[in-house]
Amino acid sequence: LPFQSGAVFSSVLLLLFSLTQFSVVSVGAYLALAALSATISFRIYKSVLQAVQKTDEGHPFKAYLEMEIALSQDQISKYADKILLYTNTCMKELRRLFLVQDLVDSLKFAVLMWLLTYVGALFNGLTLLILAVISMFTMPVVYEKHQAQIDQYVGLIRTQVNSVVGKIQAKIPGAKRKEE
């Protein structure tokens, strides 16, 4: 598992760093050329090997060529339904936030968008994606090793945030949260 995780991590990171230097079209073309070069070389190698050894093994990718790769109508329908549900949920939530159904939630969203303007000024989207990939592979290990300390500090932060939100809600008329 660590080898597979390392291979996925390095492949994704290499792809993202490539995208910082080249366009998506160029990176896609280079990846396709690399894959095509490998498969053509392997096919030629196997053909020469068969000619020298006078064997009749057939096409080296025969099993893959005969494999069925079509998506079924059920699979397409299932994924389309999931996408539709997610899209509708997002649209309802955005409508709720932008039309200020709940003042506190809309203010939180406004603060988040304001903070994202600063993040956007410091980093581009690709840099944030690279940082997210690195975090996805390192944070679980760090959390596993230092779980007690992290949980303690997260608890302290959560207490402080709840305290500040409570004080703000107390000062804004009509901002009292409904009991859920």
N, C-alpha and C. Protein backbone atom coordinates (compact mmCIF):
# COMPACT_ATOMS: atom_id res chain seq x y z
N LEU A 1 0.82 -1.21 0.00
CA LEU A 1 0.00 0.00 0.00
C LEU A 1 0.86 1.26 0.00
N PRO A 2 1.94 1.33 0.80
CA PRO A 2 2.76 2.55 0.74
C PRO A 2 3.38 2.78 -0.64
N PHE A 3 3.75 1.70 -1.33
CA PHE A 3 4.33 1.85 -2.67
C PHE A 3 3.29 2.40 -3.64
N GLN A 4 2.07 1.84 -3.57
CA GLN A 4 1.00 2.32 -4.45
C GLN A 4 0.64 3.77 -4.14
N SER A 5 0.59 4.09 -2.86
CA SER A 5 0.28 5.46 -2.44
C SER A 5 1.37 6.41 -2.94
N GLY A 6 2.62 6.01 -2.82
CA GLY A 6 3.73 6.83 -3.30
C GLY A 6 3.69 7.01 -4.82
N ALA A 7 3.32 5.95 -5.53
CA ALA A 7 3.23 6.03 -6.99
C ALA A 7 2.12 6.99 -7.41
N VAL A 8 0.97 6.90 -6.76
CA VAL A 8 -0.14 7.80 -7.08
C VAL A 8 0.25 9.24 -6.74
N PHE A 9 0.83 9.43 -5.56
CA PHE A 9 1.23 10.77 -5.13
C PHE A 9 2.22 11.40 -6.10
N SER A 10 3.26 10.66 -6.46
CA SER A 10 4.27 11.23 -7.35
C SER A 10 3.71 11.46 -8.76
N SER A 11 2.85 10.57 -9.23
CA SER A 11 2.26 10.76 -10.56
C SER A 11 1.37 12.00 -10.61
N VAL A 12 0.52 12.16 -9.61
CA VAL A 12 -0.38 13.31 -9.58
C VAL A 12 0.41 14.60 -9.42
N LEU A 13 1.42 14.58 -8.55
CA LEU A 13 2.23 15.77 -8.34
C LEU A 13 3.01 16.13 -9.60
N LEU A 14 3.56 15.14 -10.29
CA LEU A 14 4.26 15.39 -11.55
C LEU A 14 3.32 15.99 -12.59
N LEU A 15 2.11 15.47 -12.66
CA LEU A 15 1.11 16.00 -13.59
C LEU A 15 0.80 17.47 -13.26
N LEU A 16 0.59 17.76 -11.98
CA LEU A 16 0.26 19.13 -11.59
C LEU A 16 1.42 20.09 -11.84
N PHE A 17 2.63 19.66 -11.53
CA PHE A 17 3.79 20.52 -11.81
C PHE A 17 3.97 20.72 -13.31
N SER A 18 3.67 19.70 -14.10
CA SER A 18 3.73 19.85 -15.55
C SER A 18 2.72 20.89 -16.03
N LEU A 19 1.55 20.88 -15.41
CA LEU A 19 0.52 21.85 -15.79
C LEU A 19 0.90 23.28 -15.42
N THR A 20 1.82 23.44 -14.45
CA THR A 20 2.26 24.81 -14.14
C THR A 20 3.16 25.36 -15.23
N GLN A 21 3.80 24.49 -16.01
CA GLN A 21 4.73 24.92 -17.04
C GLN A 21 4.16 24.84 -18.46
N PHE A 22 3.23 23.91 -18.68
CA PHE A 22 2.69 23.67 -20.02
C PHE A 22 1.17 23.74 -19.99
N SER A 23 0.57 23.90 -21.14
CA SER A 23 -0.89 23.93 -21.22
C SER A 23 -1.45 22.52 -21.04
N VAL A 24 -2.73 22.44 -20.74
CA VAL A 24 -3.40 21.16 -20.57
C VAL A 24 -3.30 20.34 -21.86
N VAL A 25 -3.44 21.00 -23.00
CA VAL A 25 -3.37 20.31 -24.29
C VAL A 25 -1.98 19.69 -24.47
N SER A 26 -0.93 20.45 -24.17
CA SER A 26 0.44 19.95 -24.32
C SER A 26 0.71 18.78 -23.38
N VAL A 27 0.29 18.90 -22.12
CA VAL A 27 0.51 17.82 -21.15
C VAL A 27 -0.24 16.58 -21.60
N GLY A 28 -1.48 16.74 -22.03
CA GLY A 28 -2.25 15.59 -22.52
C GLY A 28 -1.59 14.93 -23.72
N ALA A 29 -1.09 15.76 -24.65
CA ALA A 29 -0.43 15.22 -25.85
C ALA A 29 0.86 14.48 -25.47
N TYR A 30 1.63 15.06 -24.55
CA TYR A 30 2.87 14.40 -24.13
C TYR A 30 2.59 13.07 -23.41
N LEU A 31 1.55 13.04 -22.58
CA LEU A 31 1.20 11.79 -21.90
C LEU A 31 0.75 10.73 -22.91
N ALA A 32 -0.06 11.15 -23.89
CA ALA A 32 -0.50 10.21 -24.92
C ALA A 32 0.68 9.69 -25.73
N LEU A 33 1.62 10.59 -26.09
CA LEU A 33 2.81 10.16 -26.84
C LEU A 33 3.67 9.20 -26.02
N ALA A 34 3.81 9.46 -24.73
CA ALA A 34 4.60 8.57 -23.88
C ALA A 34 3.95 7.19 -23.80
N ALA A 35 2.64 7.15 -23.61
CA ALA A 35 1.94 5.86 -23.55
C ALA A 35 2.02 5.13 -24.88
N LEU A 36 1.83 5.87 -25.97
CA LEU A 36 1.89 5.27 -27.30
C LEU A 36 3.30 4.75 -27.60
N SER A 37 4.31 5.48 -27.22
CA SER A 37 5.70 5.03 -27.42
C SER A 37 5.96 3.74 -26.66
N ALA A 38 5.48 3.66 -25.43
CA ALA A 38 5.69 2.46 -24.63
C ALA A 38 4.97 1.25 -25.25
N THR A 39 3.71 1.44 -25.67
CA THR A 39 2.97 0.30 -26.22
C THR A 39 3.50 -0.14 -27.58
N ILE A 40 3.89 0.82 -28.43
CA ILE A 40 4.46 0.46 -29.73
C ILE A 40 5.78 -0.27 -29.54
N SER A 41 6.62 0.24 -28.64
CA SER A 41 7.92 -0.41 -28.37
C SER A 41 7.71 -1.83 -27.86
N PHE A 42 6.76 -2.01 -26.95
CA PHE A 42 6.50 -3.33 -26.40
C PHE A 42 5.98 -4.27 -27.48
N ARG A 43 5.09 -3.78 -28.34
CA ARG A 43 4.55 -4.60 -29.43
C ARG A 43 5.66 -5.03 -30.39
N ILE A 44 6.54 -4.09 -30.76
CA ILE A 44 7.65 -4.42 -31.66
C ILE A 44 8.59 -5.43 -30.99
N TYR A 45 8.90 -5.21 -29.71
CA TYR A 45 9.77 -6.12 -28.96
C TYR A 45 9.19 -7.53 -28.95
N LYS A 46 7.90 -7.66 -28.66
CA LYS A 46 7.27 -8.99 -28.62
C LYS A 46 7.25 -9.63 -30.02
N SER A 47 7.04 -8.81 -31.09
CA SER A 47 7.03 -9.35 -32.45
C SER A 47 8.41 -9.88 -32.82
N VAL A 48 9.46 -9.13 -32.49
CA VAL A 48 10.83 -9.57 -32.78
C VAL A 48 11.14 -10.83 -31.97
N LEU A 49 10.74 -10.85 -30.71
CA LEU A 49 10.98 -12.01 -29.86
C LEU A 49 10.28 -13.25 -30.42
N GLN A 50 9.04 -13.08 -30.90
CA GLN A 50 8.32 -14.20 -31.49
C GLN A 50 8.99 -14.68 -32.78
N ALA A 51 9.52 -13.75 -33.59
CA ALA A 51 10.18 -14.13 -34.84
C ALA A 51 11.48 -14.88 -34.55
N VAL A 52 12.23 -14.44 -33.56
CA VAL A 52 13.51 -15.07 -33.23
C VAL A 52 13.28 -16.45 -32.62
N GLN A 53 12.32 -16.55 -31.72
CA GLN A 53 12.06 -17.82 -31.04
C GLN A 53 11.10 -18.71 -31.83
N LYS A 54 10.59 -18.18 -32.94
CA LYS A 54 9.67 -18.93 -33.80
C LYS A 54 8.47 -19.47 -33.02
N THR A 55 7.87 -18.59 -32.23
CA THR A 55 6.66 -18.95 -31.48
C THR A 55 5.49 -18.20 -32.08
N ASP A 56 4.30 -18.62 -31.70
CA ASP A 56 3.10 -17.97 -32.20
C ASP A 56 2.21 -17.59 -31.01
N GLU A 57 2.68 -16.62 -30.22
CA GLU A 57 1.94 -16.19 -29.04
C GLU A 57 0.81 -15.23 -29.39
N GLY A 58 0.86 -14.62 -30.54
CA GLY A 58 -0.19 -13.68 -30.93
C GLY A 58 0.11 -12.27 -30.43
N HIS A 59 -0.91 -11.46 -30.51
CA HIS A 59 -0.80 -10.05 -30.14
C HIS A 59 -0.58 -9.92 -28.62
N PRO A 60 0.40 -9.13 -28.17
CA PRO A 60 0.66 -9.04 -26.72
C PRO A 60 -0.46 -8.36 -25.93
N PHE A 61 -1.30 -7.58 -26.59
CA PHE A 61 -2.38 -6.89 -25.90
C PHE A 61 -3.74 -7.51 -26.23
N LYS A 62 -3.74 -8.77 -26.67
CA LYS A 62 -4.98 -9.42 -27.13
C LYS A 62 -6.04 -9.44 -26.03
N ALA A 63 -5.65 -9.74 -24.80
CA ALA A 63 -6.62 -9.81 -23.70
C ALA A 63 -7.28 -8.45 -23.48
N TYR A 64 -6.51 -7.39 -23.61
CA TYR A 64 -7.06 -6.04 -23.41
C TYR A 64 -7.91 -5.59 -24.59
N LEU A 65 -7.53 -6.03 -25.80
CA LEU A 65 -8.32 -5.68 -26.99
C LEU A 65 -9.68 -6.35 -26.98
N GLU A 66 -9.77 -7.52 -26.37
CA GLU A 66 -11.03 -8.25 -26.34
C GLU A 66 -11.90 -7.89 -25.14
N MET A 67 -11.35 -7.12 -24.22
CA MET A 67 -12.08 -6.75 -23.01
C MET A 67 -13.17 -5.73 -23.34
N GLU A 68 -14.34 -5.91 -22.74
CA GLU A 68 -15.45 -5.00 -22.96
C GLU A 68 -15.25 -3.75 -22.10
N ILE A 69 -15.32 -2.57 -22.73
CA ILE A 69 -15.08 -1.34 -21.98
C ILE A 69 -16.26 -0.36 -22.06
N ALA A 70 -17.36 -0.78 -22.60
CA ALA A 70 -18.51 0.11 -22.75
C ALA A 70 -19.21 0.30 -21.40
N LEU A 71 -19.74 1.49 -21.20
CA LEU A 71 -20.53 1.76 -20.00
C LEU A 71 -21.96 1.31 -20.25
N SER A 72 -22.56 0.72 -19.22
CA SER A 72 -23.95 0.28 -19.37
C SER A 72 -24.88 1.47 -19.13
N GLN A 73 -26.11 1.32 -19.59
CA GLN A 73 -27.11 2.38 -19.40
C GLN A 73 -27.36 2.58 -17.91
N ASP A 74 -27.31 1.50 -17.12
CA ASP A 74 -27.53 1.61 -15.67
C ASP A 74 -26.43 2.43 -15.00
N GLN A 75 -25.17 2.20 -15.40
CA GLN A 75 -24.06 2.97 -14.83
C GLN A 75 -24.19 4.45 -15.16
N ILE A 76 -24.49 4.75 -16.41
CA ILE A 76 -24.65 6.14 -16.83
C ILE A 76 -25.80 6.79 -16.08
N SER A 77 -26.90 6.09 -15.94
CA SER A 77 -28.06 6.61 -15.24
C SER A 77 -27.75 6.86 -13.76
N LYS A 78 -27.02 5.93 -13.14
CA LYS A 78 -26.68 6.06 -11.72
C LYS A 78 -25.81 7.30 -11.50
N TYR A 79 -24.78 7.49 -12.33
CA TYR A 79 -23.89 8.64 -12.16
C TYR A 79 -24.58 9.95 -12.53
N ALA A 80 -25.43 9.90 -13.53
CA ALA A 80 -26.18 11.10 -13.90
C ALA A 80 -27.12 11.52 -12.77
N ASP A 81 -27.74 10.53 -12.11
CA ASP A 81 -28.61 10.84 -10.98
C ASP A 81 -27.83 11.45 -9.82
N LYS A 82 -26.64 10.94 -9.56
CA LYS A 82 -25.80 11.49 -8.49
C LYS A 82 -25.39 12.92 -8.81
N ILE A 83 -25.00 13.17 -10.05
CA ILE A 83 -24.61 14.53 -10.46
C ILE A 83 -25.79 15.47 -10.36
N LEU A 84 -26.96 15.02 -10.78
CA LEU A 84 -28.17 15.83 -10.71
C LEU A 84 -28.51 16.18 -9.26
N LEU A 85 -28.44 15.20 -8.37
CA LEU A 85 -28.72 15.43 -6.96
C LEU A 85 -27.73 16.44 -6.37
N TYR A 86 -26.45 16.27 -6.66
CA TYR A 86 -25.42 17.19 -6.15
C TYR A 86 -25.63 18.60 -6.69
N THR A 87 -25.92 18.72 -7.97
CA THR A 87 -26.14 20.03 -8.59
C THR A 87 -27.34 20.73 -7.97
N ASN A 88 -28.44 19.99 -7.81
CA ASN A 88 -29.64 20.59 -7.21
C ASN A 88 -29.40 21.01 -5.76
N THR A 89 -28.67 20.20 -5.01
CA THR A 89 -28.36 20.53 -3.62
C THR A 89 -27.51 21.80 -3.55
N CYS A 90 -26.51 21.90 -4.42
CA CYS A 90 -25.65 23.09 -4.46
C CYS A 90 -26.45 24.34 -4.83
N MET A 91 -27.32 24.21 -5.82
CA MET A 91 -28.11 25.37 -6.25
C MET A 91 -29.05 25.84 -5.14
N LYS A 92 -29.66 24.90 -4.42
CA LYS A 92 -30.55 25.28 -3.31
C LYS A 92 -29.77 25.97 -2.20
N GLU A 93 -28.58 25.45 -1.89
CA GLU A 93 -27.77 26.05 -0.83
C GLU A 93 -27.29 27.44 -1.23
N LEU A 94 -26.85 27.60 -2.47
CA LEU A 94 -26.42 28.92 -2.93
C LEU A 94 -27.59 29.91 -2.94
N ARG A 95 -28.75 29.45 -3.35
CA ARG A 95 -29.94 30.32 -3.31
C ARG A 95 -30.22 30.76 -1.88
N ARG A 96 -30.14 29.82 -0.94
CA ARG A 96 -30.38 30.11 0.46
C ARG A 96 -29.38 31.13 1.00
N LEU A 97 -28.10 30.99 0.60
CA LEU A 97 -27.07 31.90 1.08
C LEU A 97 -27.19 33.28 0.43
N PHE A 98 -27.37 33.34 -0.87
CA PHE A 98 -27.41 34.62 -1.56
C PHE A 98 -28.70 35.41 -1.29
N LEU A 99 -29.79 34.72 -1.02
CA LEU A 99 -31.05 35.41 -0.75
C LEU A 99 -31.30 35.58 0.76
N VAL A 100 -30.25 35.32 1.55
CA VAL A 100 -30.21 35.59 2.99
C VAL A 100 -31.40 34.98 3.73
N GLN A 101 -31.60 33.69 3.54
CA GLN A 101 -32.63 32.99 4.30
C GLN A 101 -32.24 32.97 5.78
N ASP A 102 -30.94 32.79 6.06
CA ASP A 102 -30.41 32.82 7.42
C ASP A 102 -29.26 33.83 7.43
N LEU A 103 -29.43 34.91 8.17
CA LEU A 103 -28.45 36.00 8.18
C LEU A 103 -27.07 35.53 8.61
N VAL A 104 -26.99 34.70 9.64
CA VAL A 104 -25.69 34.25 10.14
C VAL A 104 -24.96 33.42 9.09
N ASP A 105 -25.66 32.49 8.46
CA ASP A 105 -25.02 31.67 7.43
C ASP A 105 -24.57 32.52 6.25
N SER A 106 -25.37 33.50 5.86
CA SER A 106 -24.98 34.37 4.75
C SER A 106 -23.77 35.22 5.11
N LEU A 107 -23.72 35.68 6.36
CA LEU A 107 -22.54 36.45 6.81
C LEU A 107 -21.29 35.57 6.85
N LYS A 108 -21.43 34.34 7.31
CA LYS A 108 -20.29 33.41 7.30
C LYS A 108 -19.80 33.19 5.86
N PHE A 109 -20.76 33.03 4.95
CA PHE A 109 -20.41 32.82 3.54
C PHE A 109 -19.71 34.06 2.99
N ALA A 110 -20.19 35.25 3.37
CA ALA A 110 -19.56 36.50 2.91
C ALA A 110 -18.14 36.61 3.43
N VAL A 111 -17.93 36.25 4.69
CA VAL A 111 -16.57 36.29 5.26
C VAL A 111 -15.68 35.28 4.54
N LEU A 112 -16.20 34.10 4.27
CA LEU A 112 -15.43 33.10 3.53
C LEU A 112 -15.03 33.61 2.15
N MET A 113 -15.98 34.22 1.44
CA MET A 113 -15.67 34.76 0.10
C MET A 113 -14.65 35.89 0.19
N TRP A 114 -14.75 36.72 1.23
CA TRP A 114 -13.80 37.81 1.42
C TRP A 114 -12.40 37.25 1.68
N LEU A 115 -12.32 36.20 2.52
CA LEU A 115 -11.02 35.57 2.77
C LEU A 115 -10.46 34.92 1.50
N LEU A 116 -11.34 34.34 0.69
CA LEU A 116 -10.89 33.72 -0.55
C LEU A 116 -10.34 34.74 -1.54
N THR A 117 -10.77 36.00 -1.46
CA THR A 117 -10.18 37.02 -2.33
C THR A 117 -8.70 37.20 -2.01
N TYR A 118 -8.36 37.11 -0.73
CA TYR A 118 -6.95 37.22 -0.33
C TYR A 118 -6.17 35.96 -0.73
N VAL A 119 -6.79 34.80 -0.56
CA VAL A 119 -6.14 33.55 -0.98
C VAL A 119 -5.90 33.59 -2.49
N GLY A 120 -6.90 34.06 -3.24
CA GLY A 120 -6.76 34.15 -4.70
C GLY A 120 -5.69 35.13 -5.12
N ALA A 121 -5.47 36.17 -4.32
CA ALA A 121 -4.42 37.13 -4.64
C ALA A 121 -3.03 36.54 -4.39
N LEU A 122 -2.93 35.60 -3.46
CA LEU A 122 -1.63 35.01 -3.13
C LEU A 122 -1.30 33.78 -3.97
N PHE A 123 -2.30 32.98 -4.30
CA PHE A 123 -2.07 31.72 -5.01
C PHE A 123 -3.00 31.63 -6.21
N ASN A 124 -2.53 30.92 -7.25
CA ASN A 124 -3.48 30.61 -8.32
C ASN A 124 -4.11 29.25 -8.02
N GLY A 125 -5.10 28.86 -8.78
CA GLY A 125 -5.83 27.62 -8.53
C GLY A 125 -4.96 26.38 -8.59
N LEU A 126 -4.01 26.37 -9.50
CA LEU A 126 -3.15 25.20 -9.64
C LEU A 126 -2.24 25.03 -8.42
N THR A 127 -1.75 26.13 -7.88
CA THR A 127 -0.91 26.06 -6.67
C THR A 127 -1.74 25.53 -5.51
N LEU A 128 -2.97 25.98 -5.38
CA LEU A 128 -3.84 25.47 -4.32
C LEU A 128 -4.12 23.98 -4.51
N LEU A 129 -4.28 23.55 -5.76
CA LEU A 129 -4.51 22.14 -6.03
C LEU A 129 -3.28 21.30 -5.65
N ILE A 130 -2.09 21.81 -5.96
CA ILE A 130 -0.85 21.11 -5.58
C ILE A 130 -0.76 21.01 -4.06
N LEU A 131 -1.05 22.10 -3.36
CA LEU A 131 -1.02 22.08 -1.88
C LEU A 131 -2.06 21.11 -1.33
N ALA A 132 -3.23 21.04 -1.97
CA ALA A 132 -4.27 20.12 -1.52
C ALA A 132 -3.83 18.67 -1.70
N VAL A 133 -3.19 18.35 -2.82
CA VAL A 133 -2.71 16.98 -3.05
C VAL A 133 -1.64 16.61 -2.03
N ILE A 134 -0.71 17.52 -1.79
CA ILE A 134 0.34 17.25 -0.80
C ILE A 134 -0.30 17.04 0.58
N SER A 135 -1.27 17.87 0.92
CA SER A 135 -1.95 17.73 2.22
C SER A 135 -2.70 16.41 2.33
N MET A 136 -3.35 15.99 1.25
CA MET A 136 -4.10 14.73 1.27
C MET A 136 -3.21 13.54 1.59
N PHE A 137 -1.96 13.60 1.17
CA PHE A 137 -1.08 12.47 1.40
C PHE A 137 -0.27 12.60 2.69
N THR A 138 -0.12 13.81 3.23
CA THR A 138 0.69 13.97 4.43
C THR A 138 -0.13 14.14 5.71
N MET A 139 -1.29 14.79 5.62
CA MET A 139 -2.08 15.07 6.83
C MET A 139 -2.52 13.81 7.57
N PRO A 140 -2.96 12.74 6.91
CA PRO A 140 -3.35 11.56 7.69
C PRO A 140 -2.19 10.97 8.50
N VAL A 141 -1.00 10.98 7.95
CA VAL A 141 0.16 10.45 8.67
C VAL A 141 0.50 11.34 9.86
N VAL A 142 0.48 12.65 9.64
CA VAL A 142 0.78 13.59 10.73
C VAL A 142 -0.28 13.46 11.82
N TYR A 143 -1.56 13.36 11.44
CA TYR A 143 -2.62 13.23 12.42
C TYR A 143 -2.49 11.93 13.20
N GLU A 144 -2.14 10.86 12.50
CA GLU A 144 -1.99 9.57 13.16
C GLU A 144 -0.89 9.62 14.22
N LYS A 145 0.20 10.32 13.93
CA LYS A 145 1.34 10.38 14.86
C LYS A 145 1.09 11.35 16.01
N HIS A 146 0.32 12.41 15.79
CA HIS A 146 0.14 13.45 16.80
C HIS A 146 -1.34 13.69 17.10
N GLN A 147 -2.13 12.62 17.14
CA GLN A 147 -3.58 12.76 17.27
C GLN A 147 -3.98 13.45 18.57
N ALA A 148 -3.37 13.12 19.69
CA ALA A 148 -3.77 13.70 20.97
C ALA A 148 -3.57 15.21 20.99
N GLN A 149 -2.39 15.66 20.55
CA GLN A 149 -2.10 17.10 20.56
C GLN A 149 -3.02 17.84 19.59
N ILE A 150 -3.23 17.28 18.40
CA ILE A 150 -4.07 17.93 17.39
C ILE A 150 -5.50 18.04 17.90
N ASP A 151 -6.03 16.96 18.48
CA ASP A 151 -7.40 16.99 19.00
C ASP A 151 -7.55 18.04 20.11
N GLN A 152 -6.52 18.16 20.95
CA GLN A 152 -6.55 19.14 22.04
C GLN A 152 -6.63 20.57 21.46
N TYR A 153 -5.77 20.88 20.48
CA TYR A 153 -5.76 22.22 19.91
C TYR A 153 -7.01 22.51 19.08
N VAL A 154 -7.51 21.52 18.39
CA VAL A 154 -8.75 21.71 17.62
C VAL A 154 -9.90 22.00 18.58
N GLY A 155 -9.92 21.31 19.72
CA GLY A 155 -10.95 21.58 20.71
C GLY A 155 -10.87 23.00 21.24
N LEU A 156 -9.66 23.48 21.50
CA LEU A 156 -9.48 24.86 21.97
C LEU A 156 -9.95 25.86 20.92
N ILE A 157 -9.57 25.63 19.67
CA ILE A 157 -9.97 26.52 18.58
C ILE A 157 -11.48 26.52 18.43
N ARG A 158 -12.08 25.34 18.48
CA ARG A 158 -13.54 25.23 18.32
C ARG A 158 -14.26 26.00 19.44
N THR A 159 -13.73 25.91 20.66
CA THR A 159 -14.33 26.63 21.78
C THR A 159 -14.23 28.13 21.56
N GLN A 160 -13.08 28.62 21.11
CA GLN A 160 -12.90 30.05 20.86
C GLN A 160 -13.82 30.54 19.74
N VAL A 161 -13.90 29.78 18.66
CA VAL A 161 -14.75 30.16 17.52
C VAL A 161 -16.22 30.21 17.96
N ASN A 162 -16.67 29.20 18.69
CA ASN A 162 -18.05 29.19 19.16
C ASN A 162 -18.33 30.37 20.08
N SER A 163 -17.35 30.73 20.90
CA SER A 163 -17.49 31.88 21.80
C SER A 163 -17.65 33.18 21.00
N VAL A 164 -16.79 33.37 20.00
CA VAL A 164 -16.85 34.58 19.17
C VAL A 164 -18.15 34.62 18.39
N VAL A 165 -18.56 33.51 17.79
CA VAL A 165 -19.81 33.47 17.03
C VAL A 165 -20.98 33.77 17.95
N GLY A 166 -20.97 33.25 19.17
CA GLY A 166 -22.03 33.53 20.13
C GLY A 166 -22.11 35.01 20.47
N LYS A 167 -20.95 35.65 20.67
CA LYS A 167 -20.93 37.09 20.97
C LYS A 167 -21.45 37.90 19.79
N ILE A 168 -21.07 37.53 18.58
CA ILE A 168 -21.54 38.25 17.39
C ILE A 168 -23.04 38.08 17.23
N GLN A 169 -23.53 36.85 17.42
CA GLN A 169 -24.97 36.60 17.30
C GLN A 169 -25.75 37.38 18.34
N ALA A 170 -25.18 37.56 19.52
CA ALA A 170 -25.88 38.30 20.57
C ALA A 170 -26.00 39.78 20.22
N LYS A 171 -25.05 40.31 19.45
CA LYS A 171 -25.05 41.73 19.13
C LYS A 171 -25.83 42.08 17.87
N ILE A 172 -26.07 41.11 17.00
CA ILE A 172 -26.79 41.38 15.75
C ILE A 172 -28.26 41.05 15.96
N PRO A 173 -29.13 42.05 15.74
CA PRO A 173 -30.56 41.75 15.90
C PRO A 173 -31.04 40.78 14.82
N GLY A 174 -31.83 39.83 15.24
CA GLY A 174 -32.37 38.85 14.29
C GLY A 174 -31.39 37.78 13.89
N ALA A 175 -30.23 37.72 14.54
CA ALA A 175 -29.21 36.75 14.16
C ALA A 175 -29.19 35.54 15.08
N LYS A 176 -30.13 35.44 15.99
CA LYS A 176 -30.17 34.29 16.88
C LYS A 176 -30.45 33.05 16.05
N ARG A 177 -29.65 32.02 16.28
CA ARG A 177 -29.82 30.77 15.54
C ARG A 177 -31.03 30.01 16.08
N LYS A 178 -31.74 29.37 15.18
CA LYS A 178 -32.86 28.53 15.58
C LYS A 178 -32.31 27.26 16.23
N GLU A 179 -33.00 26.77 17.21
CA GLU A 179 -32.58 25.51 17.84
C GLU A 179 -32.87 24.38 16.86
N GLU A 180 -31.86 23.56 16.61
CA GLU A 180 -32.01 22.48 15.61
C GLU A 180 -32.24 21.16 16.29
